[in-house]
């Protein structure tokens, strides 16, 4: 990872993020000054934000599907009741 070597022997996917973060840490006074670069590097490694967003999108899709199914089911019940009147 931080060495720069990827699994295939080429430059690792997060190496550029690591270099930016490492350079910032070597020249800054406070580690918090490099918080955004650290966040970018960790996101590259672990994809936590990406997975959170995917989960939110999936849950919203499921919610919409359930709402559409309830609506369709409700309309079917209304049609059956109006036919019996």
PDB file of N, CA and C in Angstrom:
ATOM      1  N   UNK A   1       0.822  -1.185   0.000  1.00  0.00           N
ATOM      2  CA  UNK A   1       0.000   0.000   0.000  1.00  0.00           C
ATOM      3  C   UNK A   1       0.869   1.253   0.000  1.00  0.00           C
ATOM      4  N   UNK A   2       1.355   1.615   1.158  1.00  0.00           N
ATOM      5  CA  UNK A   2       2.111   2.857   1.260  1.00  0.00           C
ATOM      6  C   UNK A   2       3.470   2.755   0.573  1.00  0.00           C
ATOM      7  N   UNK A   3       3.933   1.541   0.334  1.00  0.00           N
ATOM      8  CA  UNK A   3       5.222   1.383  -0.329  1.00  0.00           C
ATOM      9  C   UNK A   3       5.152   1.810  -1.786  1.00  0.00           C
ATOM     10  N   UNK A   4       3.952   1.831  -2.323  1.00  0.00           N
ATOM     11  CA  UNK A   4       3.773   2.228  -3.708  1.00  0.00           C
ATOM     12  C   UNK A   4       3.563   1.056  -4.640  1.00  0.00           C
ATOM     13  N   UNK A   5       3.813  -0.146  -4.167  1.00  0.00           N
ATOM     14  CA  UNK A   5       3.653  -1.315  -5.019  1.00  0.00           C
ATOM     15  C   UNK A   5       2.267  -1.901  -4.847  1.00  0.00           C
ATOM     16  N   UNK A   6       1.581  -2.101  -5.974  1.00  0.00           N
ATOM     17  CA  UNK A   6       0.264  -2.709  -5.949  1.00  0.00           C
ATOM     18  C   UNK A   6       0.374  -4.214  -6.038  1.00  0.00           C
ATOM     19  N   UNK A   7      -0.741  -4.868  -6.067  1.00  0.00           N
ATOM     20  CA  UNK A   7      -0.781  -6.331  -6.084  1.00  0.00           C
ATOM     21  C   UNK A   7      -0.201  -6.894  -7.376  1.00  0.00           C
ATOM     22  N   UNK A   8      -0.269  -6.127  -8.464  1.00  0.00           N
ATOM     23  CA  UNK A   8       0.252  -6.607  -9.745  1.00  0.00           C
ATOM     24  C   UNK A   8       1.686  -6.156  -9.990  1.00  0.00           C
ATOM     25  N   UNK A   9       2.284  -5.483  -9.018  1.00  0.00           N
ATOM     26  CA  UNK A   9       3.654  -5.018  -9.180  1.00  0.00           C
ATOM     27  C   UNK A   9       3.757  -3.598  -9.697  1.00  0.00           C
ATOM     28  N   UNK A  10       2.630  -3.041 -10.101  1.00  0.00           N
ATOM     29  CA  UNK A  10       2.602  -1.648 -10.548  1.00  0.00           C
ATOM     30  C   UNK A  10       2.334  -0.733  -9.361  1.00  0.00           C
ATOM     31  N   UNK A  11       2.202   0.541  -9.648  1.00  0.00           N
ATOM     32  CA  UNK A  11       1.889   1.504  -8.604  1.00  0.00           C
ATOM     33  C   UNK A  11       0.515   1.179  -8.023  1.00  0.00           C
ATOM     34  N   UNK A  12       0.413   1.210  -6.716  1.00  0.00           N
ATOM     35  CA  UNK A  12      -0.847   0.916  -6.044  1.00  0.00           C
ATOM     36  C   UNK A  12      -1.897   1.975  -6.314  1.00  0.00           C
ATOM     37  N   UNK A  13      -3.164   1.605  -6.201  1.00  0.00           N
ATOM     38  CA  UNK A  13      -4.243   2.517  -6.545  1.00  0.00           C
ATOM     39  C   UNK A  13      -4.304   3.719  -5.613  1.00  0.00           C
ATOM     40  N   UNK A  14      -3.837   3.566  -4.384  1.00  0.00           N
ATOM     41  CA  UNK A  14      -3.914   4.653  -3.402  1.00  0.00           C
ATOM     42  C   UNK A  14      -2.580   5.343  -3.173  1.00  0.00           C
ATOM     43  N   UNK A  15      -1.592   4.993  -3.939  1.00  0.00           N
ATOM     44  CA  UNK A  15      -0.255   5.535  -3.709  1.00  0.00           C
ATOM     45  C   UNK A  15      -0.215   7.054  -3.851  1.00  0.00           C
ATOM     46  N   UNK A  16      -0.898   7.589  -4.849  1.00  0.00           N
ATOM     47  CA  UNK A  16      -0.895   9.042  -5.037  1.00  0.00           C
ATOM     48  C   UNK A  16      -1.524   9.756  -3.842  1.00  0.00           C
ATOM     49  N   UNK A  17      -2.584   9.180  -3.300  1.00  0.00           N
ATOM     50  CA  UNK A  17      -3.210   9.759  -2.102  1.00  0.00           C
ATOM     51  C   UNK A  17      -2.241   9.698  -0.922  1.00  0.00           C
ATOM     52  N   UNK A  18      -1.514   8.567  -0.823  1.00  0.00           N
ATOM     53  CA  UNK A  18      -0.559   8.422   0.261  1.00  0.00           C
ATOM     54  C   UNK A  18       0.557   9.461   0.161  1.00  0.00           C
ATOM     55  N   UNK A  19       1.069   9.677  -1.035  1.00  0.00           N
ATOM     56  CA  UNK A  19       2.143  10.660  -1.237  1.00  0.00           C
ATOM     57  C   UNK A  19       1.668  12.048  -0.811  1.00  0.00           C
ATOM     58  N   UNK A  20       0.471  12.435  -1.245  1.00  0.00           N
ATOM     59  CA  UNK A  20      -0.059  13.748  -0.867  1.00  0.00           C
ATOM     60  C   UNK A  20      -0.194  13.868   0.644  1.00  0.00           C
ATOM     61  N   UNK A  21      -0.753  12.857   1.272  1.00  0.00           N
ATOM     62  CA  UNK A  21      -0.939  12.873   2.720  1.00  0.00           C
ATOM     63  C   UNK A  21       0.407  12.890   3.444  1.00  0.00           C
ATOM     64  N   UNK A  22       1.333  12.071   2.989  1.00  0.00           N
ATOM     65  CA  UNK A  22       2.649  11.988   3.618  1.00  0.00           C
ATOM     66  C   UNK A  22       3.404  13.310   3.513  1.00  0.00           C
ATOM     67  N   UNK A  23       3.364  13.936   2.346  1.00  0.00           N
ATOM     68  CA  UNK A  23       4.024  15.231   2.172  1.00  0.00           C
ATOM     69  C   UNK A  23       3.404  16.294   3.071  1.00  0.00           C
ATOM     70  N   UNK A  24       2.109  16.281   3.173  1.00  0.00           N
ATOM     71  CA  UNK A  24       1.427  17.241   4.043  1.00  0.00           C
ATOM     72  C   UNK A  24       1.846  17.027   5.500  1.00  0.00           C
ATOM     73  N   UNK A  25       1.873  15.790   5.932  1.00  0.00           N
ATOM     74  CA  UNK A  25       2.238  15.498   7.323  1.00  0.00           C
ATOM     75  C   UNK A  25       3.675  15.906   7.620  1.00  0.00           C
ATOM     76  N   UNK A  26       4.551  15.812   6.638  1.00  0.00           N
ATOM     77  CA  UNK A  26       5.952  16.147   6.875  1.00  0.00           C
ATOM     78  C   UNK A  26       6.190  17.662   6.948  1.00  0.00           C
ATOM     79  N   UNK A  27       5.279  18.466   6.390  1.00  0.00           N
ATOM     80  CA  UNK A  27       5.505  19.905   6.389  1.00  0.00           C
ATOM     81  C   UNK A  27       4.499  20.699   7.227  1.00  0.00           C
ATOM     82  N   UNK A  28       3.516  20.050   7.826  1.00  0.00           N
ATOM     83  CA  UNK A  28       2.516  20.799   8.579  1.00  0.00           C
ATOM     84  C   UNK A  28       2.890  20.882  10.059  1.00  0.00           C
ATOM     85  N   UNK A  29       2.276  21.836  10.728  1.00  0.00           N
ATOM     86  CA  UNK A  29       2.514  21.997  12.165  1.00  0.00           C
ATOM     87  C   UNK A  29       1.568  21.129  12.973  1.00  0.00           C
ATOM     88  N   UNK A  30       0.335  21.008  12.521  1.00  0.00           N
ATOM     89  CA  UNK A  30      -0.691  20.248  13.226  1.00  0.00           C
ATOM     90  C   UNK A  30      -1.203  19.131  12.325  1.00  0.00           C
ATOM     91  N   UNK A  31      -1.339  17.931  12.851  1.00  0.00           N
ATOM     92  CA  UNK A  31      -1.885  16.839  12.030  1.00  0.00           C
ATOM     93  C   UNK A  31      -3.284  17.139  11.489  1.00  0.00           C
ATOM     94  N   UNK A  32      -4.062  17.956  12.216  1.00  0.00           N
ATOM     95  CA  UNK A  32      -5.411  18.266  11.740  1.00  0.00           C
ATOM     96  C   UNK A  32      -5.395  19.066  10.440  1.00  0.00           C
ATOM     97  N   UNK A  33      -4.256  19.695  10.128  1.00  0.00           N
ATOM     98  CA  UNK A  33      -4.138  20.421   8.866  1.00  0.00           C
ATOM     99  C   UNK A  33      -4.229  19.497   7.661  1.00  0.00           C
ATOM    100  N   UNK A  34      -3.950  18.233   7.872  1.00  0.00           N
ATOM    101  CA  UNK A  34      -3.951  17.253   6.777  1.00  0.00           C
ATOM    102  C   UNK A  34      -5.165  16.318   6.852  1.00  0.00           C
ATOM    103  N   UNK A  35      -6.176  16.715   7.585  1.00  0.00           N
ATOM    104  CA  UNK A  35      -7.331  15.837   7.801  1.00  0.00           C
ATOM    105  C   UNK A  35      -8.019  15.449   6.493  1.00  0.00           C
ATOM    106  N   UNK A  36      -8.177  16.393   5.580  1.00  0.00           N
ATOM    107  CA  UNK A  36      -8.859  16.083   4.325  1.00  0.00           C
ATOM    108  C   UNK A  36      -8.049  15.108   3.465  1.00  0.00           C
ATOM    109  N   UNK A  37      -6.734  15.275   3.449  1.00  0.00           N
ATOM    110  CA  UNK A  37      -5.892  14.349   2.686  1.00  0.00           C
ATOM    111  C   UNK A  37      -5.909  12.957   3.317  1.00  0.00           C
ATOM    112  N   UNK A  38      -5.921  12.904   4.651  1.00  0.00           N
ATOM    113  CA  UNK A  38      -6.010  11.623   5.356  1.00  0.00           C
ATOM    114  C   UNK A  38      -7.335  10.943   5.016  1.00  0.00           C
ATOM    115  N   UNK A  39      -8.405  11.735   5.026  1.00  0.00           N
ATOM    116  CA  UNK A  39      -9.729  11.204   4.706  1.00  0.00           C
ATOM    117  C   UNK A  39      -9.759  10.636   3.282  1.00  0.00           C
ATOM    118  N   UNK A  40      -9.162  11.354   2.337  1.00  0.00           N
ATOM    119  CA  UNK A  40      -9.100  10.864   0.954  1.00  0.00           C
ATOM    120  C   UNK A  40      -8.324   9.551   0.862  1.00  0.00           C
ATOM    121  N   UNK A  41      -7.202   9.486   1.560  1.00  0.00           N
ATOM    122  CA  UNK A  41      -6.379   8.270   1.532  1.00  0.00           C
ATOM    123  C   UNK A  41      -7.148   7.094   2.124  1.00  0.00           C
ATOM    124  N   UNK A  42      -7.779   7.310   3.265  1.00  0.00           N
ATOM    125  CA  UNK A  42      -8.524   6.218   3.896  1.00  0.00           C
ATOM    126  C   UNK A  42      -9.731   5.797   3.063  1.00  0.00           C
ATOM    127  N   UNK A  43     -10.371   6.756   2.401  1.00  0.00           N
ATOM    128  CA  UNK A  43     -11.482   6.407   1.523  1.00  0.00           C
ATOM    129  C   UNK A  43     -10.996   5.551   0.356  1.00  0.00           C
ATOM    130  N   UNK A  44      -9.844   5.890  -0.175  1.00  0.00           N
ATOM    131  CA  UNK A  44      -9.274   5.095  -1.257  1.00  0.00           C
ATOM    132  C   UNK A  44      -9.006   3.667  -0.789  1.00  0.00           C
ATOM    133  N   UNK A  45      -8.503   3.527   0.433  1.00  0.00           N
ATOM    134  CA  UNK A  45      -8.195   2.195   0.953  1.00  0.00           C
ATOM    135  C   UNK A  45      -9.442   1.375   1.252  1.00  0.00           C
ATOM    136  N   UNK A  46     -10.425   2.002   1.928  1.00  0.00           N
ATOM    137  CA  UNK A  46     -11.530   1.231   2.502  1.00  0.00           C
ATOM    138  C   UNK A  46     -12.891   1.464   1.853  1.00  0.00           C
ATOM    139  N   UNK A  47     -13.054   2.519   1.091  1.00  0.00           N
ATOM    140  CA  UNK A  47     -14.311   2.832   0.390  1.00  0.00           C
ATOM    141  C   UNK A  47     -15.506   2.955   1.332  1.00  0.00           C
ATOM    142  N   UNK A  48     -15.296   3.416   2.541  1.00  0.00           N
ATOM    143  CA  UNK A  48     -16.378   3.496   3.533  1.00  0.00           C
ATOM    144  C   UNK A  48     -17.496   4.434   3.075  1.00  0.00           C
ATOM    145  N   UNK A  49     -17.160   5.599   2.578  1.00  0.00           N
ATOM    146  CA  UNK A  49     -18.185   6.545   2.135  1.00  0.00           C
ATOM    147  C   UNK A  49     -18.946   5.997   0.934  1.00  0.00           C
ATOM    148  N   UNK A  50     -18.220   5.359   0.049  1.00  0.00           N
ATOM    149  CA  UNK A  50     -18.863   4.771  -1.127  1.00  0.00           C
ATOM    150  C   UNK A  50     -19.878   3.717  -0.707  1.00  0.00           C
ATOM    151  N   UNK A  51     -19.505   2.853   0.230  1.00  0.00           N
ATOM    152  CA  UNK A  51     -20.411   1.811   0.695  1.00  0.00           C
ATOM    153  C   UNK A  51     -21.608   2.397   1.431  1.00  0.00           C
ATOM    154  N   UNK A  52     -21.391   3.449   2.211  1.00  0.00           N
ATOM    155  CA  UNK A  52     -22.510   4.096   2.896  1.00  0.00           C
ATOM    156  C   UNK A  52     -23.494   4.666   1.885  1.00  0.00           C
ATOM    157  N   UNK A  53     -22.964   5.301   0.856  1.00  0.00           N
ATOM    158  CA  UNK A  53     -23.845   5.879  -0.160  1.00  0.00           C
ATOM    159  C   UNK A  53     -24.599   4.787  -0.911  1.00  0.00           C
ATOM    160  N   UNK A  54     -23.909   3.717  -1.265  1.00  0.00           N
ATOM    161  CA  UNK A  54     -24.585   2.602  -1.940  1.00  0.00           C
ATOM    162  C   UNK A  54     -25.705   2.039  -1.082  1.00  0.00           C
ATOM    163  N   UNK A  55     -25.454   1.901   0.212  1.00  0.00           N
ATOM    164  CA  UNK A  55     -26.480   1.377   1.116  1.00  0.00           C
ATOM    165  C   UNK A  55     -27.670   2.320   1.191  1.00  0.00           C
ATOM    166  N   UNK A  56     -27.415   3.622   1.253  1.00  0.00           N
ATOM    167  CA  UNK A  56     -28.521   4.592   1.294  1.00  0.00           C
ATOM    168  C   UNK A  56     -29.347   4.525   0.014  1.00  0.00           C
ATOM    169  N   UNK A  57     -28.674   4.424  -1.125  1.00  0.00           N
ATOM    170  CA  UNK A  57     -29.385   4.332  -2.399  1.00  0.00           C
ATOM    171  C   UNK A  57     -30.205   3.049  -2.452  1.00  0.00           C
ATOM    172  N   UNK A  58     -29.622   1.933  -2.032  1.00  0.00           N
ATOM    173  CA  UNK A  58     -30.332   0.652  -2.037  1.00  0.00           C
ATOM    174  C   UNK A  58     -31.557   0.709  -1.130  1.00  0.00           C
ATOM    175  N   UNK A  59     -31.401   1.265   0.075  1.00  0.00           N
ATOM    176  CA  UNK A  59     -32.534   1.344   1.007  1.00  0.00           C
ATOM    177  C   UNK A  59     -33.643   2.222   0.448  1.00  0.00           C
ATOM    178  N   UNK A  60     -33.276   3.315  -0.203  1.00  0.00           N
ATOM    179  CA  UNK A  60     -34.285   4.184  -0.802  1.00  0.00           C
ATOM    180  C   UNK A  60     -35.005   3.472  -1.941  1.00  0.00           C
ATOM    181  N   UNK A  61     -34.280   2.735  -2.766  1.00  0.00           N
ATOM    182  CA  UNK A  61     -34.907   1.971  -3.843  1.00  0.00           C
ATOM    183  C   UNK A  61     -35.887   0.957  -3.276  1.00  0.00           C
ATOM    184  N   UNK A  62     -35.487   0.255  -2.223  1.00  0.00           N
ATOM    185  CA  UNK A  62     -36.361  -0.737  -1.602  1.00  0.00           C
ATOM    186  C   UNK A  62     -37.598  -0.070  -1.005  1.00  0.00           C
ATOM    187  N   UNK A  63     -37.415   1.102  -0.386  1.00  0.00           N
ATOM    188  CA  UNK A  63     -38.542   1.832   0.178  1.00  0.00           C
ATOM    189  C   UNK A  63     -39.533   2.221  -0.917  1.00  0.00           C
ATOM    190  N   UNK A  64     -39.020   2.682  -2.059  1.00  0.00           N
ATOM    191  CA  UNK A  64     -39.893   3.072  -3.160  1.00  0.00           C
ATOM    192  C   UNK A  64     -40.623   1.864  -3.744  1.00  0.00           C
ATOM    193  N   UNK A  65     -39.945   0.736  -3.832  1.00  0.00           N
ATOM    194  CA  UNK A  65     -40.580  -0.480  -4.341  1.00  0.00           C
ATOM    195  C   UNK A  65     -41.703  -0.916  -3.411  1.00  0.00           C
ATOM    196  N   UNK A  66     -41.441  -0.889  -2.085  1.00  0.00           N
ATOM    197  CA  UNK A  66     -42.475  -1.274  -1.124  1.00  0.00           C
ATOM    198  C   UNK A  66     -43.657  -0.310  -1.177  1.00  0.00           C
ATOM    199  N   UNK A  67     -43.373   0.990  -1.321  1.00  0.00           N
ATOM    200  CA  UNK A  67     -44.444   1.975  -1.399  1.00  0.00           C
ATOM    201  C   UNK A  67     -45.287   1.763  -2.656  1.00  0.00           C
ATOM    202  N   UNK A  68     -44.637   1.473  -3.770  1.00  0.00           N
ATOM    203  CA  UNK A  68     -45.363   1.224  -5.012  1.00  0.00           C
ATOM    204  C   UNK A  68     -46.206  -0.041  -4.895  1.00  0.00           C
ATOM    205  N   UNK A  69     -45.679  -1.055  -4.235  1.00  0.00           N
ATOM    206  CA  UNK A  69     -46.434  -2.302  -4.057  1.00  0.00           C
ATOM    207  C   UNK A  69     -47.652  -2.061  -3.160  1.00  0.00           C
ATOM    208  N   UNK A  70     -47.470  -1.285  -2.084  1.00  0.00           N
ATOM    209  CA  UNK A  70     -48.604  -0.980  -1.209  1.00  0.00           C
ATOM    210  C   UNK A  70     -49.655  -0.164  -1.958  1.00  0.00           C
ATOM    211  N   UNK A  71     -49.199   0.774  -2.767  1.00  0.00           N
ATOM    212  CA  UNK A  71     -50.126   1.604  -3.531  1.00  0.00           C
ATOM    213  C   UNK A  71     -50.904   0.748  -4.526  1.00  0.00           C
ATOM    214  N   UNK A  72     -50.197  -0.138  -5.231  1.00  0.00           N
ATOM    215  CA  UNK A  72     -50.851  -1.018  -6.199  1.00  0.00           C
ATOM    216  C   UNK A  72     -51.833  -1.952  -5.492  1.00  0.00           C
ATOM    217  N   UNK A  73     -51.438  -2.438  -4.350  1.00  0.00           N
ATOM    218  CA  UNK A  73     -52.317  -3.333  -3.591  1.00  0.00           C
ATOM    219  C   UNK A  73     -53.547  -2.572  -3.124  1.00  0.00           C
ATOM    220  N   UNK A  74     -53.368  -1.342  -2.695  1.00  0.00           N
ATOM    221  CA  UNK A  74     -54.488  -0.509  -2.270  1.00  0.00           C
ATOM    222  C   UNK A  74     -55.432  -0.199  -3.408  1.00  0.00           C
ATOM    223  N   UNK A  75     -54.913   0.042  -4.593  1.00  0.00           N
ATOM    224  CA  UNK A  75     -55.746   0.308  -5.764  1.00  0.00           C
ATOM    225  C   UNK A  75     -56.524  -0.934  -6.155  1.00  0.00           C
ATOM    226  N   UNK A  76     -55.911  -2.122  -6.040  1.00  0.00           N
ATOM    227  CA  UNK A  76     -56.602  -3.367  -6.350  1.00  0.00           C
ATOM    228  C   UNK A  76     -57.763  -3.580  -5.393  1.00  0.00           C
ATOM    229  N   UNK A  77     -57.572  -3.284  -4.123  1.00  0.00           N
ATOM    230  CA  UNK A  77     -58.633  -3.431  -3.128  1.00  0.00           C
ATOM    231  C   UNK A  77     -59.765  -2.464  -3.445  1.00  0.00           C
ATOM    232  N   UNK A  78     -59.445  -1.226  -3.837  1.00  0.00           N
ATOM    233  CA  UNK A  78     -60.460  -0.238  -4.185  1.00  0.00           C
ATOM    234  C   UNK A  78     -61.267  -0.698  -5.396  1.00  0.00           C
ATOM    235  N   UNK A  79     -60.626  -1.271  -6.393  1.00  0.00           N
ATOM    236  CA  UNK A  79     -61.308  -1.740  -7.593  1.00  0.00           C
ATOM    237  C   UNK A  79     -62.266  -2.871  -7.255  1.00  0.00           C
ATOM    238  N   UNK A  80     -61.829  -3.803  -6.418  1.00  0.00           N
ATOM    239  CA  UNK A  80     -62.669  -4.943  -6.034  1.00  0.00           C
ATOM    240  C   UNK A  80     -63.881  -4.436  -5.261  1.00  0.00           C
ATOM    241  N   UNK A  81     -63.692  -3.506  -4.348  1.00  0.00           N
ATOM    242  CA  UNK A  81     -64.781  -2.978  -3.543  1.00  0.00           C
ATOM    243  C   UNK A  81     -65.755  -2.199  -4.406  1.00  0.00           C
ATOM    244  N   UNK A  82     -65.293  -1.435  -5.373  1.00  0.00           N
ATOM    245  CA  UNK A  82     -66.191  -0.658  -6.224  1.00  0.00           C
ATOM    246  C   UNK A  82     -66.958  -1.562  -7.172  1.00  0.00           C
ATOM    247  N   UNK A  83     -66.447  -2.730  -7.545  1.00  0.00           N
ATOM    248  CA  UNK A  83     -67.141  -3.657  -8.408  1.00  0.00           C
ATOM    249  C   UNK A  83     -68.283  -4.354  -7.675  1.00  0.00           C
ATOM    250  N   UNK A  84     -68.160  -4.484  -6.378  1.00  0.00           N
ATOM    251  CA  UNK A  84     -69.182  -5.180  -5.589  1.00  0.00           C
ATOM    252  C   UNK A  84     -70.321  -4.269  -5.206  1.00  0.00           C
ATOM    253  N   UNK A  85     -70.211  -3.003  -5.435  1.00  0.00           N
ATOM    254  CA  UNK A  85     -71.257  -2.056  -5.010  1.00  0.00           C
ATOM    255  C   UNK A  85     -72.361  -1.989  -5.994  1.00  0.00           C
TER     256      UNK A  85
END
